[in-house]
Every structure is written in structure tokens, then in C-alpha cells.
Amino acid sequence: MAKQTIKKDDPKSLSRYFKGVKSELKKVVWPTRKELINYSIIVILAVIAFMLLFLVYDKIIMFLLSSFIYK
């Protein structure tokens, strides 16, 4: 079984690539507008929740460091 090599400068390889991209994009199941809005809200809320969680952790660590180390 021989390997087929494709030259990088071959114009057919570039057109074959874009045809493959186009055919793969046709297989994608895109979310509806409602799903997209719901997913976006979930992501924004998760980011805010983690931000608040890390803020609390940071304040606790800074309080402990300032209490015990920087006396």
C-alpha cells in the first residue's frame, strides 16, 4: 500500500480542503435561538458564581496571611 503525498502548493488540495469543511459544516446541528440564549445565560451565571467564589477564597486567604504573617 503506497502512501499518497499531496504537495502543499497543489491548488486541488486547497479546494478539497474547503469542500471538506463545507460538507462537515452541513452536518452540524446548530442550536435554536432559545437554546443559544439559555446556554449563554447559564455560562454567564456560572462565570459570576465562580468569580464570587474565588473572591471569597481570596479574601479569606488575605485575611489569614495578614493575621499570621504580617503582624
PDB file of N, CA and C in Angstrom:
ATOM      1  N   MET A   1       0.851  -1.168   0.000  1.00  0.00           N
ATOM      2  CA  MET A   1       0.000   0.000   0.000  1.00  0.00           C
ATOM      3  C   MET A   1       0.900   1.236   0.000  1.00  0.00           C
ATOM      4  N   ALA A   2       0.826   1.984  -1.046  1.00  0.00           N
ATOM      5  CA  ALA A   2       1.678   3.160  -1.189  1.00  0.00           C
ATOM      6  C   ALA A   2       0.992   4.371  -0.581  1.00  0.00           C
ATOM      7  N   LYS A   3       1.803   5.227   0.029  1.00  0.00           N
ATOM      8  CA  LYS A   3       1.277   6.466   0.590  1.00  0.00           C
ATOM      9  C   LYS A   3       1.121   7.498  -0.507  1.00  0.00           C
ATOM     10  N   GLN A   4       0.018   8.188  -0.460  1.00  0.00           N
ATOM     11  CA  GLN A   4      -0.199   9.246  -1.430  1.00  0.00           C
ATOM     12  C   GLN A   4       0.245  10.557  -0.794  1.00  0.00           C
ATOM     13  N   THR A   5       1.146  11.243  -1.471  1.00  0.00           N
ATOM     14  CA  THR A   5       1.610  12.522  -0.937  1.00  0.00           C
ATOM     15  C   THR A   5       0.945  13.647  -1.705  1.00  0.00           C
ATOM     16  N   ILE A   6       0.578  14.667  -0.971  1.00  0.00           N
ATOM     17  CA  ILE A   6      -0.050  15.839  -1.573  1.00  0.00           C
ATOM     18  C   ILE A   6       0.885  17.012  -1.359  1.00  0.00           C
ATOM     19  N   LYS A   7       1.202  17.671  -2.438  1.00  0.00           N
ATOM     20  CA  LYS A   7       2.061  18.845  -2.338  1.00  0.00           C
ATOM     21  C   LYS A   7       1.278  19.999  -1.725  1.00  0.00           C
ATOM     22  N   LYS A   8       1.958  20.800  -0.916  1.00  0.00           N
ATOM     23  CA  LYS A   8       1.285  21.920  -0.256  1.00  0.00           C
ATOM     24  C   LYS A   8       0.833  22.978  -1.251  1.00  0.00           C
ATOM     25  N   ASP A   9       1.534  23.099  -2.369  1.00  0.00           N
ATOM     26  CA  ASP A   9       1.206  24.135  -3.343  1.00  0.00           C
ATOM     27  C   ASP A   9       0.160  23.673  -4.355  1.00  0.00           C
ATOM     28  N   ASP A  10      -0.328  22.468  -4.210  1.00  0.00           N
ATOM     29  CA  ASP A  10      -1.295  21.922  -5.153  1.00  0.00           C
ATOM     30  C   ASP A  10      -2.640  22.615  -4.954  1.00  0.00           C
ATOM     31  N   PRO A  11      -3.153  23.323  -5.977  1.00  0.00           N
ATOM     32  CA  PRO A  11      -4.430  24.033  -5.823  1.00  0.00           C
ATOM     33  C   PRO A  11      -5.602  23.086  -5.582  1.00  0.00           C
ATOM     34  N   LYS A  12      -5.498  21.836  -6.043  1.00  0.00           N
ATOM     35  CA  LYS A  12      -6.581  20.881  -5.826  1.00  0.00           C
ATOM     36  C   LYS A  12      -6.700  20.526  -4.340  1.00  0.00           C
ATOM     37  N   SER A  13      -5.569  20.489  -3.644  1.00  0.00           N
ATOM     38  CA  SER A  13      -5.632  20.136  -2.225  1.00  0.00           C
ATOM     39  C   SER A  13      -6.341  21.232  -1.430  1.00  0.00           C
ATOM     40  N   LEU A  14      -6.154  22.474  -1.813  1.00  0.00           N
ATOM     41  CA  LEU A  14      -6.821  23.573  -1.123  1.00  0.00           C
ATOM     42  C   LEU A  14      -8.320  23.541  -1.383  1.00  0.00           C
ATOM     43  N   SER A  15      -8.713  23.304  -2.616  1.00  0.00           N
ATOM     44  CA  SER A  15     -10.144  23.239  -2.918  1.00  0.00           C
ATOM     45  C   SER A  15     -10.766  22.012  -2.250  1.00  0.00           C
ATOM     46  N   ARG A  16     -10.031  20.907  -2.167  1.00  0.00           N
ATOM     47  CA  ARG A  16     -10.522  19.707  -1.498  1.00  0.00           C
ATOM     48  C   ARG A  16     -10.734  19.980  -0.007  1.00  0.00           C
ATOM     49  N   TYR A  17      -9.825  20.750   0.570  1.00  0.00           N
ATOM     50  CA  TYR A  17      -9.945  21.113   1.985  1.00  0.00           C
ATOM     51  C   TYR A  17     -11.231  21.906   2.231  1.00  0.00           C
ATOM     52  N   PHE A  18     -11.471  22.928   1.422  1.00  0.00           N
ATOM     53  CA  PHE A  18     -12.663  23.756   1.627  1.00  0.00           C
ATOM     54  C   PHE A  18     -13.946  22.984   1.329  1.00  0.00           C
ATOM     55  N   LYS A  19     -13.913  22.052   0.386  1.00  0.00           N
ATOM     56  CA  LYS A  19     -15.086  21.211   0.139  1.00  0.00           C
ATOM     57  C   LYS A  19     -15.362  20.329   1.352  1.00  0.00           C
ATOM     58  N   GLY A  20     -14.295  19.838   1.972  1.00  0.00           N
ATOM     59  CA  GLY A  20     -14.463  19.029   3.186  1.00  0.00           C
ATOM     60  C   GLY A  20     -15.029  19.844   4.325  1.00  0.00           C
ATOM     61  N   VAL A  21     -14.548  21.080   4.471  1.00  0.00           N
ATOM     62  CA  VAL A  21     -15.067  21.966   5.517  1.00  0.00           C
ATOM     63  C   VAL A  21     -16.542  22.231   5.287  1.00  0.00           C
ATOM     64  N   LYS A  22     -16.911  22.506   4.054  1.00  0.00           N
ATOM     65  CA  LYS A  22     -18.304  22.799   3.727  1.00  0.00           C
ATOM     66  C   LYS A  22     -19.200  21.595   4.019  1.00  0.00           C
ATOM     67  N   SER A  23     -18.725  20.404   3.667  1.00  0.00           N
ATOM     68  CA  SER A  23     -19.545  19.217   3.914  1.00  0.00           C
ATOM     69  C   SER A  23     -19.669  18.926   5.406  1.00  0.00           C
ATOM     70  N   GLU A  24     -18.617  19.184   6.182  1.00  0.00           N
ATOM     71  CA  GLU A  24     -18.696  18.981   7.631  1.00  0.00           C
ATOM     72  C   GLU A  24     -19.615  19.996   8.293  1.00  0.00           C
ATOM     73  N   LEU A  25     -19.613  21.239   7.817  1.00  0.00           N
ATOM     74  CA  LEU A  25     -20.494  22.255   8.387  1.00  0.00           C
ATOM     75  C   LEU A  25     -21.965  21.954   8.115  1.00  0.00           C
ATOM     76  N   LYS A  26     -22.247  21.223   7.042  1.00  0.00           N
ATOM     77  CA  LYS A  26     -23.630  20.830   6.763  1.00  0.00           C
ATOM     78  C   LYS A  26     -24.123  19.805   7.781  1.00  0.00           C
ATOM     79  N   LYS A  27     -23.205  19.061   8.406  1.00  0.00           N
ATOM     80  CA  LYS A  27     -23.579  18.041   9.389  1.00  0.00           C
ATOM     81  C   LYS A  27     -23.811  18.617  10.775  1.00  0.00           C
ATOM     82  N   VAL A  28     -23.408  19.860  10.998  1.00  0.00           N
ATOM     83  CA  VAL A  28     -23.524  20.465  12.324  1.00  0.00           C
ATOM     84  C   VAL A  28     -24.987  20.748  12.629  1.00  0.00           C
ATOM     85  N   VAL A  29     -25.398  20.412  13.856  1.00  0.00           N
ATOM     86  CA  VAL A  29     -26.745  20.733  14.315  1.00  0.00           C
ATOM     87  C   VAL A  29     -26.621  22.005  15.144  1.00  0.00           C
ATOM     88  N   TRP A  30     -27.055  23.112  14.570  1.00  0.00           N
ATOM     89  CA  TRP A  30     -26.930  24.403  15.227  1.00  0.00           C
ATOM     90  C   TRP A  30     -28.050  24.563  16.248  1.00  0.00           C
ATOM     91  N   PRO A  31     -27.755  25.213  17.390  1.00  0.00           N
ATOM     92  CA  PRO A  31     -28.806  25.415  18.402  1.00  0.00           C
ATOM     93  C   PRO A  31     -29.828  26.446  17.925  1.00  0.00           C
ATOM     94  N   THR A  32     -31.037  26.298  18.455  1.00  0.00           N
ATOM     95  CA  THR A  32     -32.062  27.288  18.137  1.00  0.00           C
ATOM     96  C   THR A  32     -31.745  28.568  18.906  1.00  0.00           C
ATOM     97  N   ARG A  33     -32.456  29.623  18.582  1.00  0.00           N
ATOM     98  CA  ARG A  33     -32.229  30.912  19.251  1.00  0.00           C
ATOM     99  C   ARG A  33     -32.492  30.792  20.753  1.00  0.00           C
ATOM    100  N   LYS A  34     -33.568  30.080  21.121  1.00  0.00           N
ATOM    101  CA  LYS A  34     -33.920  29.920  22.529  1.00  0.00           C
ATOM    102  C   LYS A  34     -32.828  29.129  23.264  1.00  0.00           C
ATOM    103  N   GLU A  35     -32.340  28.056  22.658  1.00  0.00           N
ATOM    104  CA  GLU A  35     -31.278  27.259  23.272  1.00  0.00           C
ATOM    105  C   GLU A  35     -30.017  28.092  23.443  1.00  0.00           C
ATOM    106  N   LEU A  36     -29.684  28.869  22.435  1.00  0.00           N
ATOM    107  CA  LEU A  36     -28.485  29.710  22.495  1.00  0.00           C
ATOM    108  C   LEU A  36     -28.579  30.726  23.631  1.00  0.00           C
ATOM    109  N   ILE A  37     -29.749  31.333  23.792  1.00  0.00           N
ATOM    110  CA  ILE A  37     -29.943  32.298  24.876  1.00  0.00           C
ATOM    111  C   ILE A  37     -29.837  31.601  26.232  1.00  0.00           C
ATOM    112  N   ASN A  38     -30.456  30.432  26.359  1.00  0.00           N
ATOM    113  CA  ASN A  38     -30.397  29.691  27.620  1.00  0.00           C
ATOM    114  C   ASN A  38     -28.966  29.280  27.957  1.00  0.00           C
ATOM    115  N   TYR A  39     -28.229  28.767  26.982  1.00  0.00           N
ATOM    116  CA  TYR A  39     -26.845  28.357  27.219  1.00  0.00           C
ATOM    117  C   TYR A  39     -25.976  29.561  27.588  1.00  0.00           C
ATOM    118  N   SER A  40     -26.217  30.683  26.943  1.00  0.00           N
ATOM    119  CA  SER A  40     -25.442  31.887  27.247  1.00  0.00           C
ATOM    120  C   SER A  40     -25.705  32.364  28.666  1.00  0.00           C
ATOM    121  N   ILE A  41     -26.966  32.332  29.090  1.00  0.00           N
ATOM    122  CA  ILE A  41     -27.301  32.738  30.457  1.00  0.00           C
ATOM    123  C   ILE A  41     -26.649  31.804  31.464  1.00  0.00           C
ATOM    124  N   ILE A  42     -26.655  30.504  31.193  1.00  0.00           N
ATOM    125  CA  ILE A  42     -26.029  29.539  32.098  1.00  0.00           C
ATOM    126  C   ILE A  42     -24.535  29.811  32.219  1.00  0.00           C
ATOM    127  N   VAL A  43     -23.879  30.079  31.109  1.00  0.00           N
ATOM    128  CA  VAL A  43     -22.438  30.355  31.135  1.00  0.00           C
ATOM    129  C   VAL A  43     -22.143  31.630  31.908  1.00  0.00           C
ATOM    130  N   ILE A  44     -22.913  32.676  31.682  1.00  0.00           N
ATOM    131  CA  ILE A  44     -22.693  33.953  32.378  1.00  0.00           C
ATOM    132  C   ILE A  44     -22.901  33.779  33.882  1.00  0.00           C
ATOM    133  N   LEU A  45     -23.959  33.055  34.278  1.00  0.00           N
ATOM    134  CA  LEU A  45     -24.207  32.818  35.697  1.00  0.00           C
ATOM    135  C   LEU A  45     -23.103  31.974  36.334  1.00  0.00           C
ATOM    136  N   ALA A  46     -22.603  30.981  35.600  1.00  0.00           N
ATOM    137  CA  ALA A  46     -21.513  30.144  36.123  1.00  0.00           C
ATOM    138  C   ALA A  46     -20.245  30.969  36.305  1.00  0.00           C
ATOM    139  N   VAL A  47     -19.954  31.853  35.369  1.00  0.00           N
ATOM    140  CA  VAL A  47     -18.770  32.717  35.480  1.00  0.00           C
ATOM    141  C   VAL A  47     -18.900  33.639  36.689  1.00  0.00           C
ATOM    142  N   ILE A  48     -20.078  34.211  36.884  1.00  0.00           N
ATOM    143  CA  ILE A  48     -20.299  35.091  38.038  1.00  0.00           C
ATOM    144  C   ILE A  48     -20.169  34.302  39.344  1.00  0.00           C
ATOM    145  N   ALA A  49     -20.725  33.088  39.386  1.00  0.00           N
ATOM    146  CA  ALA A  49     -20.648  32.265  40.602  1.00  0.00           C
ATOM    147  C   ALA A  49     -19.197  31.932  40.936  1.00  0.00           C
ATOM    148  N   PHE A  50     -18.420  31.516  39.946  1.00  0.00           N
ATOM    149  CA  PHE A  50     -17.009  31.199  40.196  1.00  0.00           C
ATOM    150  C   PHE A  50     -16.219  32.449  40.573  1.00  0.00           C
ATOM    151  N   MET A  51     -16.565  33.578  39.971  1.00  0.00           N
ATOM    152  CA  MET A  51     -15.894  34.827  40.319  1.00  0.00           C
ATOM    153  C   MET A  51     -16.122  35.159  41.790  1.00  0.00           C
ATOM    154  N   LEU A  52     -17.360  35.029  42.251  1.00  0.00           N
ATOM    155  CA  LEU A  52     -17.665  35.300  43.648  1.00  0.00           C
ATOM    156  C   LEU A  52     -16.992  34.293  44.577  1.00  0.00           C
ATOM    157  N   LEU A  53     -16.978  33.041  44.172  1.00  0.00           N
ATOM    158  CA  LEU A  53     -16.313  32.003  44.965  1.00  0.00           C
ATOM    159  C   LEU A  53     -14.822  32.304  45.116  1.00  0.00           C
ATOM    160  N   PHE A  54     -14.154  32.643  44.039  1.00  0.00           N
ATOM    161  CA  PHE A  54     -12.726  32.966  44.103  1.00  0.00           C
ATOM    162  C   PHE A  54     -12.479  34.254  44.872  1.00  0.00           C
ATOM    163  N   LEU A  55     -13.407  35.188  44.796  1.00  0.00           N
ATOM    164  CA  LEU A  55     -13.280  36.421  45.568  1.00  0.00           C
ATOM    165  C   LEU A  55     -13.320  36.119  47.062  1.00  0.00           C
ATOM    166  N   VAL A  56     -14.256  35.265  47.468  1.00  0.00           N
ATOM    167  CA  VAL A  56     -14.355  34.880  48.877  1.00  0.00           C
ATOM    168  C   VAL A  56     -13.091  34.147  49.313  1.00  0.00           C
ATOM    169  N   TYR A  57     -12.611  33.185  48.491  1.00  0.00           N
ATOM    170  CA  TYR A  57     -11.372  32.483  48.821  1.00  0.00           C
ATOM    171  C   TYR A  57     -10.207  33.449  48.954  1.00  0.00           C
ATOM    172  N   ASP A  58     -10.116  34.399  48.056  1.00  0.00           N
ATOM    173  CA  ASP A  58      -9.026  35.368  48.086  1.00  0.00           C
ATOM    174  C   ASP A  58      -9.081  36.211  49.350  1.00  0.00           C
ATOM    175  N   LYS A  59     -10.284  36.662  49.718  1.00  0.00           N
ATOM    176  CA  LYS A  59     -10.425  37.478  50.935  1.00  0.00           C
ATOM    177  C   LYS A  59     -10.052  36.679  52.175  1.00  0.00           C
ATOM    178  N   ILE A  60     -10.458  35.412  52.235  1.00  0.00           N
ATOM    179  CA  ILE A  60     -10.111  34.558  53.378  1.00  0.00           C
ATOM    180  C   ILE A  60      -8.598  34.361  53.464  1.00  0.00           C
ATOM    181  N   ILE A  61      -7.978  34.055  52.331  1.00  0.00           N
ATOM    182  CA  ILE A  61      -6.524  33.833  52.322  1.00  0.00           C
ATOM    183  C   ILE A  61      -5.792  35.114  52.696  1.00  0.00           C
ATOM    184  N   MET A  62      -6.218  36.239  52.166  1.00  0.00           N
ATOM    185  CA  MET A  62      -5.560  37.505  52.504  1.00  0.00           C
ATOM    186  C   MET A  62      -5.742  37.850  53.980  1.00  0.00           C
ATOM    187  N   PHE A  63      -6.914  37.550  54.529  1.00  0.00           N
ATOM    188  CA  PHE A  63      -7.139  37.787  55.955  1.00  0.00           C
ATOM    189  C   PHE A  63      -6.218  36.915  56.792  1.00  0.00           C
ATOM    190  N   LEU A  64      -6.109  35.631  56.424  1.00  0.00           N
ATOM    191  CA  LEU A  64      -5.238  34.728  57.179  1.00  0.00           C
ATOM    192  C   LEU A  64      -3.779  35.133  57.059  1.00  0.00           C
ATOM    193  N   LEU A  65      -3.367  35.512  55.872  1.00  0.00           N
ATOM    194  CA  LEU A  65      -1.967  35.926  55.690  1.00  0.00           C
ATOM    195  C   LEU A  65      -1.670  37.211  56.467  1.00  0.00           C
ATOM    196  N   SER A  66      -2.598  38.151  56.416  1.00  0.00           N
ATOM    197  CA  SER A  66      -2.349  39.405  57.128  1.00  0.00           C
ATOM    198  C   SER A  66      -2.413  39.211  58.640  1.00  0.00           C
ATOM    199  N   SER A  67      -3.194  38.239  59.105  1.00  0.00           N
ATOM    200  CA  SER A  67      -3.301  37.999  60.547  1.00  0.00           C
ATOM    201  C   SER A  67      -2.068  37.309  61.108  1.00  0.00           C
ATOM    202  N   PHE A  68      -1.546  36.326  60.392  1.00  0.00           N
ATOM    203  CA  PHE A  68      -0.485  35.487  60.942  1.00  0.00           C
ATOM    204  C   PHE A  68       0.915  35.875  60.463  1.00  0.00           C
ATOM    205  N   ILE A  69       1.045  36.376  59.276  1.00  0.00           N
ATOM    206  CA  ILE A  69       2.368  36.638  58.720  1.00  0.00           C
ATOM    207  C   ILE A  69       2.778  38.089  58.897  1.00  0.00           C
ATOM    208  N   TYR A  70       1.882  38.997  58.637  1.00  0.00           N
ATOM    209  CA  TYR A  70       2.237  40.426  58.641  1.00  0.00           C
ATOM    210  C   TYR A  70       1.892  41.108  59.969  1.00  0.00           C
ATOM    211  N   LYS A  71       2.198  40.476  61.090  1.00  0.00           N
ATOM    212  CA  LYS A  71       1.915  41.087  62.404  1.00  0.00           C
ATOM    213  C   LYS A  71       2.838  42.208  62.704  1.00  0.00           C
TER     214      LYS A  71
END
